[in-house]
Amino acid sequence: MSNTPDTTSTYVEVSSAETFKRQKISSTYCEENLRLIPILPDEISIHIFARLPRICYFNMRLVARNWKAAMTSPELFHLRKELGTTEEWLYLLTKFEDDKLLWHALDPRSKKWQKLPPILNVFHQEESKKGLYRLLMRNMVGQSSNFTNLVKGWVGRKRESGLLPFIGCATGTANGCLYVLGGFSKACAMRCVWRYDPILNVWSEVAPMSTGRAYCKTSILNNKLYVVGGVSRSHGGLSPLQSAEVFDPCTDKWSELPSMPFSKVQVAPAAVLANMLRPIASGMTSYKGRLCVPQSLYSWPFFVDVGGDVYDPETNCWNEMPIGMGEGWPVRQAGTKLSVVVDGELYALDPSASLNSGKIKVYDEKEDAWKVVIGKVPMCDFSESESPYLLTGLHGKLHVITKNENHKVVVLQADVCNNTTYSASSSSSTSQVCARSSVEHSNSMAGSEMVVWKVIAATNFGSAEVELVSCQVVDI
């Protein structure tokens, strides 16, 4: 009996000590587990994450909830900008056999493609359905929330008609996000705009354009997304649009701009053609703080170049495009001007009349003339494709996206080097296609340089029938 109290006392003392010790260890363990990396402060962990390639973030999100939160936090991507570790990725819109449009992202560093999630169609196509939805919601106030959600889901399914984007949609970028705008849904030109956030890897619908548009032209200037022209459907067929508007991603609002004057429309080749052909914006590129919009007169399938207009955001006015810029702007079928600005220089792709070739020209502002800078672009001709080739700028270099003889989508990078540095070993590489730049202009900038075309990526996305639609570059 005398030992019982002692044993109990000892047990209590030991139990209390061990419990306190276990609680302390458990508390420390939980506290450390709340950190991104247990042995480091989160500030240091974020700095480590910011220095890692963005391709790693997809798997890092799966480690833990706090890691997923860190991978999608603005703090991380603001730090990447401060450290200069942002990365440019290429986003490619493709069309498959069933007319399904899908986005893919290419990380040039790892050469890996990522498939973007689809955009669900949640637009309100008929005002009557919206009216029905509002009426049902008003009448069901105070009723079962489950029943309300059921009806809401039913109405939503009625509105849903597959995947987006629509045929004839436009694409653009602003503030580190990808945008898809308008297009045709049956006989209706849509106003809808969707935004893809690469950080969250999600699509969301944003404020719609003021006008329904298909095949409109977009460009980024002063971190705002500009949209011009396009077509809408009327009783007489397709009607070209002269209107323009701008989207501010910071306020999520659209503002109208002065309409394009189509200042050179009156110079049609003949009076008969003037009545047949209609003006249309056939491209748009931001160049030296202004928007350059080349234009054409069209009556499908005929196009006639008629110069263009230039918009100055400081004066909020349109002016006539310089004659040499407008008349010499290279053109492709369907009046689409393929152009891009790289390191402040305006380039354009000029497909040749012969198959499997093309040129890249640069605009000389002082002389108001286009000059050949790359005399041969290796690409196959796919006349049945809506966009057999695309031009873009990535990492400060020109890139052409096309399909090779095996019907694979290839991303070609143009490297300009001097003949003396060009080696025979590089010419034997299967991943390089070489083409000497020909001088077709007396003031050509091509000179005696050699252009080495590197295939930085090649894939068929699981189908040889995939077609190119559009591309954009996003830096985050």
Foldseek 3Di string as FASTA:
>chain_A
DVCVVVVVVVCVVVVVVVVVVVVVVVVLVVVLVLAPHSVDHNVVVLVVVLQDDLVCLVVQLVPDVVSVCSLLDVVSVVVNVVVVNWFKKKKFWWADPVRDIWIWIARLVVLDIDTADFAWQQDDPDVVLVVVLVVVVVVQVVHDVVVNVVVVVVSRVVRTDDTDDEAQWDWDDFPQKIKIAWYDDPQWQDQWMWIAHPSNSDIDTFDGHPDRFGNWEWEAFPRKIKTAWHWHQDPVGIDIFQWIWIAHPVVSDIDTADGFPLVQLVVPPDPVVSVQWDKTFQYWYQAPQKIWTWMWTDDPQDTHTRFTWIAHPVVSDIDGHPPQCRVAQAADGPSHWAWEAFPRWIKTWHQDPDFQWTFIWTADPVVSHIATQAATDGAGDDPVAPDQKHWYDGPRWIWIWHADPQLKIWIKTKDKDAPVPDDPVLPPDPQKDWDQGDGPDPPHPNPRIIIIIGGSHIGRPPDSRMGTDDMDMGID
